[in-house]
N, C-alpha and C. Protein backbone atom coordinates (compact mmCIF):
# COMPACT_ATOMS: atom_id res chain seq x y z
N MET A 1 -25.08 -12.61 11.09
CA MET A 1 -25.16 -13.18 12.43
C MET A 1 -25.82 -14.56 12.38
N ASP A 2 -26.86 -14.67 11.55
CA ASP A 2 -27.55 -15.95 11.43
C ASP A 2 -26.60 -17.03 10.88
N GLN A 3 -25.80 -16.66 9.89
CA GLN A 3 -24.84 -17.61 9.33
C GLN A 3 -23.81 -18.05 10.37
N GLN A 4 -23.37 -17.13 11.20
CA GLN A 4 -22.39 -17.47 12.23
C GLN A 4 -22.98 -18.45 13.25
N TRP A 5 -24.24 -18.23 13.63
CA TRP A 5 -24.88 -19.15 14.56
C TRP A 5 -25.05 -20.53 13.94
N ARG A 6 -25.41 -20.59 12.67
CA ARG A 6 -25.56 -21.88 11.99
C ARG A 6 -24.23 -22.62 11.92
N LYS A 7 -23.15 -21.88 11.70
CA LYS A 7 -21.83 -22.51 11.66
C LYS A 7 -21.46 -23.07 13.04
N ARG A 8 -21.80 -22.33 14.10
CA ARG A 8 -21.53 -22.82 15.45
C ARG A 8 -22.30 -24.11 15.73
N ILE A 9 -23.56 -24.16 15.29
CA ILE A 9 -24.36 -25.37 15.49
C ILE A 9 -23.77 -26.54 14.71
N GLU A 10 -23.38 -26.30 13.47
CA GLU A 10 -22.77 -27.37 12.65
C GLU A 10 -21.50 -27.90 13.30
N ALA A 11 -20.69 -26.99 13.83
CA ALA A 11 -19.44 -27.42 14.48
C ALA A 11 -19.74 -28.24 15.73
N ALA A 12 -20.73 -27.81 16.50
CA ALA A 12 -21.09 -28.54 17.72
C ALA A 12 -21.66 -29.92 17.37
N GLU A 13 -22.47 -30.01 16.31
CA GLU A 13 -23.00 -31.30 15.88
C GLU A 13 -21.88 -32.24 15.45
N TYR A 14 -20.90 -31.69 14.77
CA TYR A 14 -19.77 -32.51 14.33
C TYR A 14 -19.00 -33.07 15.52
N GLU A 15 -18.75 -32.22 16.54
CA GLU A 15 -18.02 -32.67 17.73
C GLU A 15 -18.82 -33.74 18.49
N ALA A 16 -20.13 -33.56 18.55
CA ALA A 16 -20.97 -34.55 19.24
C ALA A 16 -20.95 -35.88 18.49
N GLU A 17 -21.03 -35.82 17.17
CA GLU A 17 -20.98 -37.04 16.36
C GLU A 17 -19.64 -37.74 16.50
N LYS A 18 -18.57 -36.96 16.54
CA LYS A 18 -17.23 -37.54 16.69
C LYS A 18 -17.09 -38.22 18.05
N ALA A 19 -17.62 -37.58 19.09
CA ALA A 19 -17.56 -38.19 20.43
C ALA A 19 -18.40 -39.48 20.48
N SER A 20 -19.51 -39.48 19.76
CA SER A 20 -20.35 -40.69 19.70
C SER A 20 -19.61 -41.85 19.04
N ARG A 21 -18.90 -41.57 17.96
CA ARG A 21 -18.18 -42.63 17.27
C ARG A 21 -17.07 -43.20 18.16
N ARG A 22 -16.38 -42.32 18.87
CA ARG A 22 -15.31 -42.79 19.76
C ARG A 22 -15.89 -43.70 20.86
N TYR A 23 -17.07 -43.33 21.38
CA TYR A 23 -17.67 -44.12 22.45
C TYR A 23 -18.04 -45.52 21.96
N TYR A 24 -18.65 -45.62 20.81
CA TYR A 24 -19.10 -46.92 20.31
C TYR A 24 -17.96 -47.79 19.78
N GLN A 25 -16.81 -47.18 19.53
CA GLN A 25 -15.68 -47.96 19.03
C GLN A 25 -14.89 -48.64 20.15
N VAL A 26 -15.06 -48.21 21.41
CA VAL A 26 -14.29 -48.78 22.51
C VAL A 26 -14.85 -50.15 22.90
N GLU A 27 -13.99 -51.02 23.31
CA GLU A 27 -14.40 -52.36 23.72
C GLU A 27 -15.22 -52.29 25.01
N PRO A 28 -16.31 -53.04 25.12
CA PRO A 28 -17.16 -53.00 26.34
C PRO A 28 -16.39 -53.37 27.59
N GLU A 29 -15.37 -54.24 27.46
CA GLU A 29 -14.61 -54.66 28.64
C GLU A 29 -13.82 -53.50 29.25
N ASN A 30 -13.48 -52.52 28.41
CA ASN A 30 -12.68 -51.39 28.88
C ASN A 30 -13.62 -50.34 29.47
N ARG A 31 -14.14 -50.62 30.65
CA ARG A 31 -15.18 -49.79 31.24
C ARG A 31 -14.70 -48.38 31.57
N LEU A 32 -13.46 -48.26 32.05
CA LEU A 32 -12.95 -46.94 32.45
C LEU A 32 -12.89 -46.01 31.24
N VAL A 33 -12.36 -46.51 30.15
CA VAL A 33 -12.28 -45.69 28.94
C VAL A 33 -13.68 -45.37 28.42
N ALA A 34 -14.57 -46.39 28.46
CA ALA A 34 -15.93 -46.19 27.99
C ALA A 34 -16.65 -45.13 28.80
N ARG A 35 -16.43 -45.15 30.14
CA ARG A 35 -17.08 -44.16 30.99
C ARG A 35 -16.57 -42.75 30.67
N THR A 36 -15.28 -42.63 30.44
CA THR A 36 -14.70 -41.32 30.11
C THR A 36 -15.25 -40.80 28.78
N LEU A 37 -15.31 -41.69 27.80
CA LEU A 37 -15.82 -41.29 26.49
C LEU A 37 -17.31 -40.96 26.54
N GLU A 38 -18.05 -41.65 27.39
CA GLU A 38 -19.48 -41.35 27.53
C GLU A 38 -19.67 -39.97 28.14
N GLU A 39 -18.84 -39.63 29.13
CA GLU A 39 -18.93 -38.30 29.74
C GLU A 39 -18.61 -37.21 28.73
N GLU A 40 -17.61 -37.49 27.89
CA GLU A 40 -17.26 -36.51 26.86
C GLU A 40 -18.40 -36.35 25.86
N TRP A 41 -19.02 -37.47 25.49
CA TRP A 41 -20.14 -37.42 24.55
C TRP A 41 -21.29 -36.60 25.14
N ASN A 42 -21.62 -36.86 26.40
CA ASN A 42 -22.70 -36.11 27.05
C ASN A 42 -22.39 -34.61 27.11
N ALA A 43 -21.12 -34.29 27.35
CA ALA A 43 -20.73 -32.88 27.42
C ALA A 43 -20.92 -32.19 26.07
N ARG A 44 -20.57 -32.91 25.00
CA ARG A 44 -20.75 -32.34 23.66
C ARG A 44 -22.23 -32.17 23.33
N LEU A 45 -23.06 -33.13 23.77
CA LEU A 45 -24.49 -33.01 23.52
C LEU A 45 -25.09 -31.82 24.28
N GLU A 46 -24.64 -31.64 25.52
CA GLU A 46 -25.13 -30.51 26.32
C GLU A 46 -24.70 -29.18 25.69
N GLU A 47 -23.47 -29.15 25.18
CA GLU A 47 -22.98 -27.94 24.53
C GLU A 47 -23.81 -27.64 23.28
N LEU A 48 -24.14 -28.68 22.52
CA LEU A 48 -24.96 -28.50 21.32
C LEU A 48 -26.34 -27.96 21.68
N GLU A 49 -26.97 -28.52 22.71
CA GLU A 49 -28.30 -28.07 23.11
C GLU A 49 -28.26 -26.62 23.60
N LEU A 50 -27.18 -26.26 24.32
CA LEU A 50 -27.05 -24.88 24.81
C LEU A 50 -26.97 -23.89 23.65
N ILE A 51 -26.17 -24.23 22.63
CA ILE A 51 -26.02 -23.34 21.47
C ILE A 51 -27.36 -23.20 20.74
N LYS A 52 -28.10 -24.32 20.60
CA LYS A 52 -29.40 -24.27 19.94
C LYS A 52 -30.38 -23.40 20.72
N GLU A 53 -30.34 -23.49 22.06
CA GLU A 53 -31.21 -22.66 22.88
C GLU A 53 -30.88 -21.18 22.71
N GLN A 54 -29.58 -20.86 22.71
CA GLN A 54 -29.16 -19.47 22.54
C GLN A 54 -29.58 -18.95 21.16
N TYR A 55 -29.45 -19.83 20.16
CA TYR A 55 -29.84 -19.44 18.81
C TYR A 55 -31.35 -19.18 18.75
N GLY A 56 -32.12 -20.02 19.45
CA GLY A 56 -33.56 -19.82 19.49
C GLY A 56 -33.93 -18.50 20.15
N GLU A 57 -33.23 -18.13 21.22
CA GLU A 57 -33.49 -16.85 21.89
C GLU A 57 -33.18 -15.67 20.96
N ILE A 58 -32.11 -15.80 20.19
CA ILE A 58 -31.75 -14.73 19.25
C ILE A 58 -32.84 -14.57 18.19
N GLN A 59 -33.35 -15.72 17.69
CA GLN A 59 -34.38 -15.67 16.66
C GLN A 59 -35.69 -15.10 17.19
N ALA A 60 -35.95 -15.29 18.48
CA ALA A 60 -37.21 -14.81 19.07
C ALA A 60 -37.22 -13.31 19.29
N LYS A 61 -36.05 -12.71 19.32
CA LYS A 61 -35.98 -11.26 19.54
C LYS A 61 -36.42 -10.52 18.28
N PRO A 62 -37.00 -9.32 18.45
CA PRO A 62 -37.40 -8.54 17.27
C PRO A 62 -36.15 -8.14 16.47
N PRO A 63 -36.30 -8.01 15.16
CA PRO A 63 -35.14 -7.64 14.34
C PRO A 63 -34.58 -6.28 14.73
N PHE A 64 -33.28 -6.15 14.51
CA PHE A 64 -32.61 -4.90 14.85
C PHE A 64 -33.17 -3.78 13.98
N ALA A 65 -33.52 -2.67 14.60
CA ALA A 65 -34.09 -1.54 13.87
C ALA A 65 -33.16 -0.34 13.95
N LEU A 66 -33.02 0.35 12.83
CA LEU A 66 -32.19 1.55 12.79
C LEU A 66 -33.01 2.77 13.15
N SER A 67 -32.39 3.67 13.92
CA SER A 67 -33.04 4.94 14.17
C SER A 67 -32.86 5.81 12.92
N GLU A 68 -33.64 6.88 12.81
CA GLU A 68 -33.53 7.75 11.64
C GLU A 68 -32.15 8.38 11.56
N GLU A 69 -31.57 8.72 12.71
CA GLU A 69 -30.22 9.31 12.72
C GLU A 69 -29.19 8.30 12.21
N GLN A 70 -29.30 7.04 12.65
CA GLN A 70 -28.37 6.00 12.19
C GLN A 70 -28.53 5.75 10.69
N ARG A 71 -29.77 5.76 10.23
CA ARG A 71 -30.03 5.55 8.80
C ARG A 71 -29.38 6.65 7.95
N GLN A 72 -29.51 7.89 8.40
CA GLN A 72 -28.94 9.01 7.65
C GLN A 72 -27.42 8.97 7.66
N ARG A 73 -26.84 8.53 8.77
CA ARG A 73 -25.38 8.44 8.84
C ARG A 73 -24.86 7.38 7.87
N ILE A 74 -25.59 6.25 7.77
CA ILE A 74 -25.18 5.19 6.84
C ILE A 74 -25.32 5.67 5.40
N LEU A 75 -26.43 6.35 5.09
CA LEU A 75 -26.63 6.85 3.73
C LEU A 75 -25.57 7.88 3.36
N ALA A 76 -25.11 8.64 4.36
CA ALA A 76 -24.10 9.67 4.09
C ALA A 76 -22.76 9.06 3.71
N LEU A 77 -22.53 7.80 4.06
CA LEU A 77 -21.26 7.16 3.72
C LEU A 77 -21.04 7.11 2.22
N ALA A 78 -22.12 7.02 1.45
CA ALA A 78 -21.99 6.94 -0.01
C ALA A 78 -21.31 8.18 -0.57
N SER A 79 -21.63 9.35 -0.02
CA SER A 79 -20.99 10.57 -0.49
C SER A 79 -19.64 10.80 0.18
N ASP A 80 -19.42 10.17 1.33
CA ASP A 80 -18.14 10.33 2.02
C ASP A 80 -17.05 9.48 1.38
N LEU A 81 -17.42 8.34 0.77
CA LEU A 81 -16.41 7.43 0.22
C LEU A 81 -15.53 8.07 -0.85
N PRO A 82 -16.10 8.78 -1.85
CA PRO A 82 -15.22 9.42 -2.83
C PRO A 82 -14.25 10.42 -2.19
N ARG A 83 -14.74 11.16 -1.20
CA ARG A 83 -13.87 12.12 -0.53
C ARG A 83 -12.76 11.41 0.23
N LEU A 84 -13.13 10.28 0.88
CA LEU A 84 -12.13 9.49 1.60
C LEU A 84 -11.10 8.92 0.62
N TRP A 85 -11.59 8.43 -0.53
CA TRP A 85 -10.70 7.81 -1.53
C TRP A 85 -9.68 8.81 -2.06
N ARG A 86 -10.11 10.05 -2.31
CA ARG A 86 -9.23 11.06 -2.93
C ARG A 86 -8.39 11.82 -1.92
N ALA A 87 -8.67 11.65 -0.64
CA ALA A 87 -7.95 12.41 0.38
C ALA A 87 -6.47 12.08 0.36
N SER A 88 -5.64 13.10 0.50
CA SER A 88 -4.19 12.89 0.48
C SER A 88 -3.71 12.10 1.69
N THR A 89 -4.51 12.08 2.75
CA THR A 89 -4.12 11.35 3.96
C THR A 89 -4.48 9.86 3.88
N THR A 90 -5.24 9.46 2.85
CA THR A 90 -5.63 8.06 2.71
C THR A 90 -4.50 7.27 2.07
N ARG A 91 -4.04 6.23 2.74
CA ARG A 91 -2.95 5.40 2.20
C ARG A 91 -3.51 4.38 1.21
N ASN A 92 -2.65 3.88 0.34
CA ASN A 92 -3.07 2.88 -0.64
C ASN A 92 -3.58 1.61 0.06
N SER A 93 -2.96 1.26 1.17
CA SER A 93 -3.41 0.07 1.90
C SER A 93 -4.85 0.25 2.39
N GLN A 94 -5.22 1.49 2.76
CA GLN A 94 -6.59 1.75 3.20
C GLN A 94 -7.56 1.71 2.02
N ARG A 95 -7.09 2.17 0.86
CA ARG A 95 -7.94 2.09 -0.34
C ARG A 95 -8.23 0.63 -0.68
N LYS A 96 -7.23 -0.24 -0.51
CA LYS A 96 -7.43 -1.67 -0.77
C LYS A 96 -8.46 -2.25 0.20
N GLU A 97 -8.44 -1.79 1.44
CA GLU A 97 -9.42 -2.26 2.41
C GLU A 97 -10.83 -1.86 2.00
N VAL A 98 -10.97 -0.64 1.49
CA VAL A 98 -12.28 -0.16 1.03
C VAL A 98 -12.78 -1.04 -0.12
N VAL A 99 -11.87 -1.35 -1.06
CA VAL A 99 -12.24 -2.18 -2.20
C VAL A 99 -12.71 -3.56 -1.74
N ARG A 100 -11.98 -4.13 -0.78
CA ARG A 100 -12.35 -5.46 -0.28
C ARG A 100 -13.71 -5.45 0.41
N VAL A 101 -14.05 -4.34 1.05
CA VAL A 101 -15.33 -4.23 1.75
C VAL A 101 -16.48 -4.12 0.76
N LEU A 102 -16.26 -3.40 -0.36
CA LEU A 102 -17.36 -3.08 -1.26
C LEU A 102 -17.53 -4.05 -2.42
N ILE A 103 -16.42 -4.65 -2.90
CA ILE A 103 -16.46 -5.42 -4.15
C ILE A 103 -16.30 -6.90 -3.88
N GLU A 104 -17.16 -7.71 -4.51
CA GLU A 104 -17.08 -9.17 -4.40
C GLU A 104 -16.03 -9.70 -5.37
N ASP A 105 -16.15 -9.35 -6.66
CA ASP A 105 -15.14 -9.76 -7.63
C ASP A 105 -15.26 -8.88 -8.88
N VAL A 106 -14.23 -8.98 -9.75
CA VAL A 106 -14.16 -8.18 -10.97
C VAL A 106 -13.83 -9.11 -12.13
N THR A 107 -14.53 -8.95 -13.25
CA THR A 107 -14.26 -9.72 -14.47
C THR A 107 -13.81 -8.77 -15.57
N LEU A 108 -12.71 -9.13 -16.24
CA LEU A 108 -12.15 -8.29 -17.31
C LEU A 108 -12.19 -9.04 -18.63
N ARG A 109 -12.45 -8.32 -19.72
CA ARG A 109 -12.40 -8.91 -21.06
C ARG A 109 -11.84 -7.88 -22.03
N ASN A 110 -10.74 -8.24 -22.69
CA ASN A 110 -10.13 -7.34 -23.65
C ASN A 110 -10.96 -7.27 -24.92
N VAL A 111 -11.07 -6.06 -25.46
CA VAL A 111 -11.82 -5.82 -26.69
C VAL A 111 -10.88 -5.18 -27.70
N ASP A 112 -10.85 -5.71 -28.91
CA ASP A 112 -9.95 -5.17 -29.94
C ASP A 112 -10.53 -3.96 -30.65
N GLU A 113 -11.85 -3.90 -30.78
CA GLU A 113 -12.47 -2.79 -31.49
C GLU A 113 -13.70 -2.29 -30.73
N PRO A 114 -13.61 -1.12 -30.09
CA PRO A 114 -12.41 -0.29 -29.96
C PRO A 114 -11.41 -0.90 -28.97
N TRP A 115 -10.16 -0.50 -29.08
CA TRP A 115 -9.08 -1.06 -28.25
C TRP A 115 -9.32 -0.66 -26.80
N SER A 116 -9.91 -1.59 -26.03
CA SER A 116 -10.32 -1.25 -24.66
C SER A 116 -10.51 -2.54 -23.87
N THR A 117 -10.95 -2.38 -22.62
CA THR A 117 -11.22 -3.52 -21.74
C THR A 117 -12.59 -3.34 -21.11
N ASP A 118 -13.46 -4.36 -21.28
CA ASP A 118 -14.75 -4.34 -20.60
C ASP A 118 -14.57 -4.84 -19.17
N VAL A 119 -15.18 -4.14 -18.23
CA VAL A 119 -15.02 -4.44 -16.80
C VAL A 119 -16.40 -4.66 -16.18
N TRP A 120 -16.59 -5.83 -15.59
CA TRP A 120 -17.81 -6.11 -14.84
C TRP A 120 -17.45 -6.17 -13.36
N ILE A 121 -18.11 -5.34 -12.55
CA ILE A 121 -17.87 -5.31 -11.10
C ILE A 121 -19.09 -5.88 -10.39
N ARG A 122 -18.86 -6.93 -9.61
CA ARG A 122 -19.94 -7.51 -8.79
C ARG A 122 -19.74 -7.02 -7.36
N TRP A 123 -20.69 -6.22 -6.90
CA TRP A 123 -20.58 -5.60 -5.58
C TRP A 123 -21.07 -6.56 -4.50
N LYS A 124 -20.71 -6.27 -3.27
CA LYS A 124 -21.12 -7.11 -2.14
C LYS A 124 -22.64 -7.21 -2.04
N SER A 125 -23.34 -6.18 -2.51
CA SER A 125 -24.80 -6.18 -2.44
C SER A 125 -25.42 -7.14 -3.44
N GLY A 126 -24.60 -7.64 -4.40
CA GLY A 126 -25.13 -8.50 -5.44
C GLY A 126 -25.34 -7.78 -6.76
N ALA A 127 -25.35 -6.45 -6.74
CA ALA A 127 -25.51 -5.68 -7.97
C ALA A 127 -24.26 -5.81 -8.84
N VAL A 128 -24.45 -5.72 -10.16
CA VAL A 128 -23.35 -5.81 -11.11
C VAL A 128 -23.37 -4.56 -11.98
N SER A 129 -22.22 -3.90 -12.10
CA SER A 129 -22.10 -2.73 -12.96
C SER A 129 -21.06 -3.00 -14.04
N ARG A 130 -21.30 -2.47 -15.24
CA ARG A 130 -20.40 -2.69 -16.36
C ARG A 130 -19.75 -1.37 -16.76
N HIS A 131 -18.47 -1.43 -17.04
CA HIS A 131 -17.71 -0.24 -17.42
C HIS A 131 -16.78 -0.59 -18.58
N ARG A 132 -16.29 0.43 -19.26
CA ARG A 132 -15.30 0.23 -20.31
C ARG A 132 -14.08 1.09 -19.99
N ALA A 133 -12.93 0.45 -19.89
CA ALA A 133 -11.70 1.15 -19.52
C ALA A 133 -10.75 1.21 -20.71
N GLU A 134 -9.94 2.26 -20.76
CA GLU A 134 -8.95 2.38 -21.82
C GLU A 134 -7.92 1.26 -21.67
N ARG A 135 -7.68 0.56 -22.74
CA ARG A 135 -6.74 -0.56 -22.71
C ARG A 135 -5.33 -0.05 -22.97
N VAL A 136 -4.39 -0.59 -22.24
CA VAL A 136 -3.00 -0.18 -22.41
C VAL A 136 -2.57 -0.44 -23.85
N LYS A 137 -2.03 0.57 -24.48
CA LYS A 137 -1.64 0.42 -25.88
C LYS A 137 -0.38 -0.44 -26.01
N PRO A 138 -0.26 -1.17 -27.11
CA PRO A 138 0.90 -2.05 -27.30
C PRO A 138 2.19 -1.26 -27.36
N TYR A 139 3.29 -1.93 -27.11
CA TYR A 139 4.60 -1.30 -27.19
C TYR A 139 5.11 -1.35 -28.62
N PHE A 140 6.33 -0.88 -28.82
CA PHE A 140 6.81 -0.67 -30.18
C PHE A 140 6.83 -1.95 -31.01
N TRP A 141 7.00 -3.13 -30.35
CA TRP A 141 7.11 -4.35 -31.14
C TRP A 141 5.77 -4.78 -31.73
N THR A 142 4.67 -4.08 -31.36
CA THR A 142 3.40 -4.37 -32.01
C THR A 142 3.03 -3.25 -32.97
N THR A 143 4.01 -2.47 -33.38
CA THR A 143 3.77 -1.47 -34.42
C THR A 143 3.19 -2.16 -35.65
N ALA A 144 2.29 -1.47 -36.33
CA ALA A 144 1.59 -2.06 -37.47
C ALA A 144 2.57 -2.63 -38.48
N PRO A 145 2.27 -3.81 -39.05
CA PRO A 145 3.16 -4.42 -40.04
C PRO A 145 3.48 -3.50 -41.21
N GLU A 146 2.50 -2.66 -41.60
CA GLU A 146 2.75 -1.74 -42.71
C GLU A 146 3.86 -0.75 -42.37
N ALA A 147 3.87 -0.27 -41.12
CA ALA A 147 4.90 0.68 -40.71
C ALA A 147 6.26 -0.01 -40.66
N VAL A 148 6.30 -1.25 -40.17
CA VAL A 148 7.57 -1.98 -40.10
C VAL A 148 8.10 -2.23 -41.51
N SER A 149 7.23 -2.62 -42.44
CA SER A 149 7.65 -2.85 -43.82
C SER A 149 8.19 -1.57 -44.44
N ARG A 150 7.58 -0.46 -44.11
CA ARG A 150 8.07 0.83 -44.64
C ARG A 150 9.45 1.16 -44.07
N ILE A 151 9.66 0.82 -42.79
CA ILE A 151 10.99 1.03 -42.20
C ILE A 151 12.02 0.20 -42.93
N VAL A 152 11.69 -1.07 -43.20
CA VAL A 152 12.61 -1.95 -43.92
C VAL A 152 12.97 -1.36 -45.28
N GLU A 153 11.98 -0.78 -45.93
CA GLU A 153 12.22 -0.20 -47.26
C GLU A 153 13.07 1.06 -47.19
N LEU A 154 12.81 1.89 -46.19
CA LEU A 154 13.49 3.19 -46.11
C LEU A 154 14.89 3.10 -45.51
N MET A 155 15.14 2.10 -44.68
CA MET A 155 16.41 2.06 -43.95
C MET A 155 17.61 1.84 -44.85
N LYS A 156 17.39 1.37 -46.08
CA LYS A 156 18.52 1.11 -46.98
C LYS A 156 19.24 2.40 -47.35
N ASP A 157 18.50 3.49 -47.55
CA ASP A 157 19.10 4.73 -48.07
C ASP A 157 18.93 5.91 -47.13
N ASN A 158 18.45 5.68 -45.91
CA ASN A 158 18.19 6.79 -45.00
C ASN A 158 18.67 6.47 -43.59
N THR A 159 18.98 7.50 -42.85
CA THR A 159 19.32 7.32 -41.44
C THR A 159 18.03 7.08 -40.64
N ASP A 160 18.19 6.68 -39.38
CA ASP A 160 17.02 6.44 -38.55
C ASP A 160 16.20 7.71 -38.39
N ALA A 161 16.87 8.84 -38.24
CA ALA A 161 16.16 10.11 -38.09
C ALA A 161 15.38 10.45 -39.35
N GLN A 162 15.99 10.21 -40.52
CA GLN A 162 15.30 10.48 -41.78
C GLN A 162 14.10 9.54 -41.97
N VAL A 163 14.28 8.25 -41.58
CA VAL A 163 13.18 7.29 -41.67
C VAL A 163 12.02 7.75 -40.79
N ALA A 164 12.32 8.20 -39.59
CA ALA A 164 11.28 8.67 -38.68
C ALA A 164 10.53 9.86 -39.27
N GLU A 165 11.27 10.77 -39.87
CA GLU A 165 10.65 11.96 -40.45
C GLU A 165 9.72 11.59 -41.60
N ILE A 166 10.16 10.65 -42.45
CA ILE A 166 9.32 10.22 -43.58
C ILE A 166 8.07 9.50 -43.08
N LEU A 167 8.26 8.62 -42.10
CA LEU A 167 7.10 7.90 -41.55
C LEU A 167 6.05 8.85 -40.99
N ASN A 168 6.51 9.84 -40.25
CA ASN A 168 5.58 10.80 -39.65
C ASN A 168 4.85 11.59 -40.72
N SER A 169 5.56 11.97 -41.78
CA SER A 169 4.94 12.75 -42.85
C SER A 169 3.92 11.92 -43.63
N GLU A 170 4.12 10.59 -43.64
CA GLU A 170 3.20 9.72 -44.35
C GLU A 170 2.05 9.24 -43.47
N GLY A 171 2.02 9.69 -42.22
CA GLY A 171 0.90 9.39 -41.33
C GLY A 171 1.06 8.12 -40.51
N TYR A 172 2.23 7.49 -40.54
CA TYR A 172 2.45 6.29 -39.72
C TYR A 172 2.65 6.69 -38.26
N ARG A 173 2.26 5.78 -37.36
CA ARG A 173 2.46 6.00 -35.94
C ARG A 173 2.95 4.70 -35.31
N THR A 174 3.56 4.81 -34.11
CA THR A 174 4.03 3.64 -33.39
C THR A 174 2.84 2.87 -32.80
N GLY A 175 3.15 1.71 -32.21
CA GLY A 175 2.09 0.94 -31.58
C GLY A 175 1.39 1.69 -30.46
N ARG A 176 2.10 2.63 -29.84
CA ARG A 176 1.50 3.46 -28.79
C ARG A 176 0.68 4.60 -29.37
N GLY A 177 0.79 4.83 -30.70
CA GLY A 177 0.10 5.96 -31.31
C GLY A 177 0.93 7.22 -31.30
N ASP A 178 2.24 7.10 -30.99
CA ASP A 178 3.11 8.26 -30.93
C ASP A 178 3.80 8.49 -32.27
N LEU A 179 4.41 9.67 -32.41
CA LEU A 179 5.24 9.96 -33.58
C LEU A 179 6.52 9.14 -33.51
N PHE A 180 7.06 8.83 -34.66
CA PHE A 180 8.33 8.11 -34.70
C PHE A 180 9.48 9.07 -34.42
N THR A 181 10.51 8.54 -33.77
CA THR A 181 11.77 9.26 -33.56
C THR A 181 12.89 8.34 -34.01
N ALA A 182 14.10 8.89 -34.10
CA ALA A 182 15.25 8.06 -34.49
C ALA A 182 15.43 6.91 -33.51
N GLU A 183 15.23 7.18 -32.22
CA GLU A 183 15.40 6.14 -31.20
C GLU A 183 14.36 5.03 -31.37
N ARG A 184 13.13 5.40 -31.70
CA ARG A 184 12.08 4.40 -31.85
C ARG A 184 12.31 3.55 -33.10
N VAL A 185 12.75 4.17 -34.16
CA VAL A 185 13.07 3.41 -35.37
C VAL A 185 14.21 2.44 -35.08
N GLU A 186 15.22 2.92 -34.37
CA GLU A 186 16.36 2.06 -34.04
C GLU A 186 15.91 0.89 -33.16
N ALA A 187 15.01 1.15 -32.21
CA ALA A 187 14.51 0.09 -31.33
C ALA A 187 13.77 -0.97 -32.13
N ILE A 188 12.96 -0.56 -33.09
CA ILE A 188 12.23 -1.52 -33.93
C ILE A 188 13.21 -2.34 -34.76
N ARG A 189 14.25 -1.68 -35.29
CA ARG A 189 15.24 -2.42 -36.09
C ARG A 189 15.94 -3.48 -35.25
N HIS A 190 16.35 -3.09 -34.06
CA HIS A 190 17.06 -4.03 -33.19
C HIS A 190 16.14 -5.19 -32.81
N HIS A 191 14.88 -4.88 -32.53
CA HIS A 191 13.94 -5.94 -32.15
C HIS A 191 13.72 -6.91 -33.30
N ARG A 192 13.74 -6.40 -34.52
CA ARG A 192 13.53 -7.24 -35.70
C ARG A 192 14.83 -7.87 -36.21
N GLY A 193 15.95 -7.50 -35.58
CA GLY A 193 17.23 -8.04 -36.04
C GLY A 193 17.70 -7.44 -37.34
N LEU A 194 17.31 -6.19 -37.63
CA LEU A 194 17.68 -5.51 -38.87
C LEU A 194 18.83 -4.56 -38.60
N LYS A 195 19.83 -4.61 -39.44
CA LYS A 195 20.97 -3.71 -39.31
C LYS A 195 21.09 -2.86 -40.57
N LYS A 196 21.70 -1.71 -40.42
CA LYS A 196 21.85 -0.79 -41.55
C LYS A 196 22.62 -1.47 -42.66
N GLY A 197 22.14 -1.29 -43.90
CA GLY A 197 22.85 -1.82 -45.05
C GLY A 197 22.49 -3.25 -45.37
N GLU A 198 21.66 -3.91 -44.52
CA GLU A 198 21.28 -5.29 -44.77
C GLU A 198 19.96 -5.35 -45.53
N SER A 199 19.79 -6.40 -46.27
CA SER A 199 18.52 -6.64 -46.94
C SER A 199 17.54 -7.21 -45.92
N PRO A 200 16.27 -7.10 -46.19
CA PRO A 200 15.28 -7.69 -45.28
C PRO A 200 15.47 -9.18 -45.18
N PRO A 201 15.18 -9.78 -44.03
CA PRO A 201 15.31 -11.22 -43.86
C PRO A 201 14.49 -11.99 -44.87
N ARG A 202 14.98 -13.17 -45.25
CA ARG A 202 14.26 -14.02 -46.19
C ARG A 202 12.91 -14.41 -45.61
N GLY A 203 11.90 -14.30 -46.46
CA GLY A 203 10.56 -14.64 -45.99
C GLY A 203 9.78 -13.44 -45.52
N SER A 204 10.42 -12.27 -45.42
CA SER A 204 9.69 -11.08 -44.98
C SER A 204 8.94 -10.48 -46.15
N THR A 205 7.98 -9.65 -45.85
CA THR A 205 7.14 -9.03 -46.89
C THR A 205 7.28 -7.53 -46.82
N THR A 206 7.52 -6.91 -47.95
CA THR A 206 7.62 -5.46 -48.03
C THR A 206 6.38 -4.94 -48.74
N ILE A 207 5.69 -4.00 -48.11
CA ILE A 207 4.48 -3.42 -48.68
C ILE A 207 4.80 -2.08 -49.29
N HIS A 208 4.53 -1.89 -50.57
CA HIS A 208 4.79 -0.61 -51.26
C HIS A 208 3.50 0.21 -51.29
């Protein structure tokens, strides 16, 4: 409330200053215009003084006090929020409104070891909390180079299904951490531009 009153005073001061500049810029010979601008300037000054008086009255009043019942109802909101958030009747748009009310901003930083994301939440109260969230795992095109090299080596004499079976038995996994399948091996080959019966591209490295 105090900030709103200060903004009103600043706006009124700006309007009064603007009216003052208009008054002093008019030629003295143009009395009719000068008189009109002077009246406008006086009106802006009176408006500014009125707002300052009202602000002074607000400041002179005792601060707003909560009753014990009101205090308990506000404190109870902390336990009501999780229930409100999880309720099936709460729409996503309402959840976004809750987030906007409670959170000032969020900072994210990806971490490679362990594969995760650090999250800093700055709340409206000024408090900051830190969390660690599971980071989305890479897709198949970020499968480990060792696994890709093994696919290149095996694809010469094996079908995609056989390559997947060998990879799984040797402990290789996809970028998502899943078991290999014929479809996943085929997807990696297509992404790398590898076709059955072809040698690895020039410049590639095969790890034995």
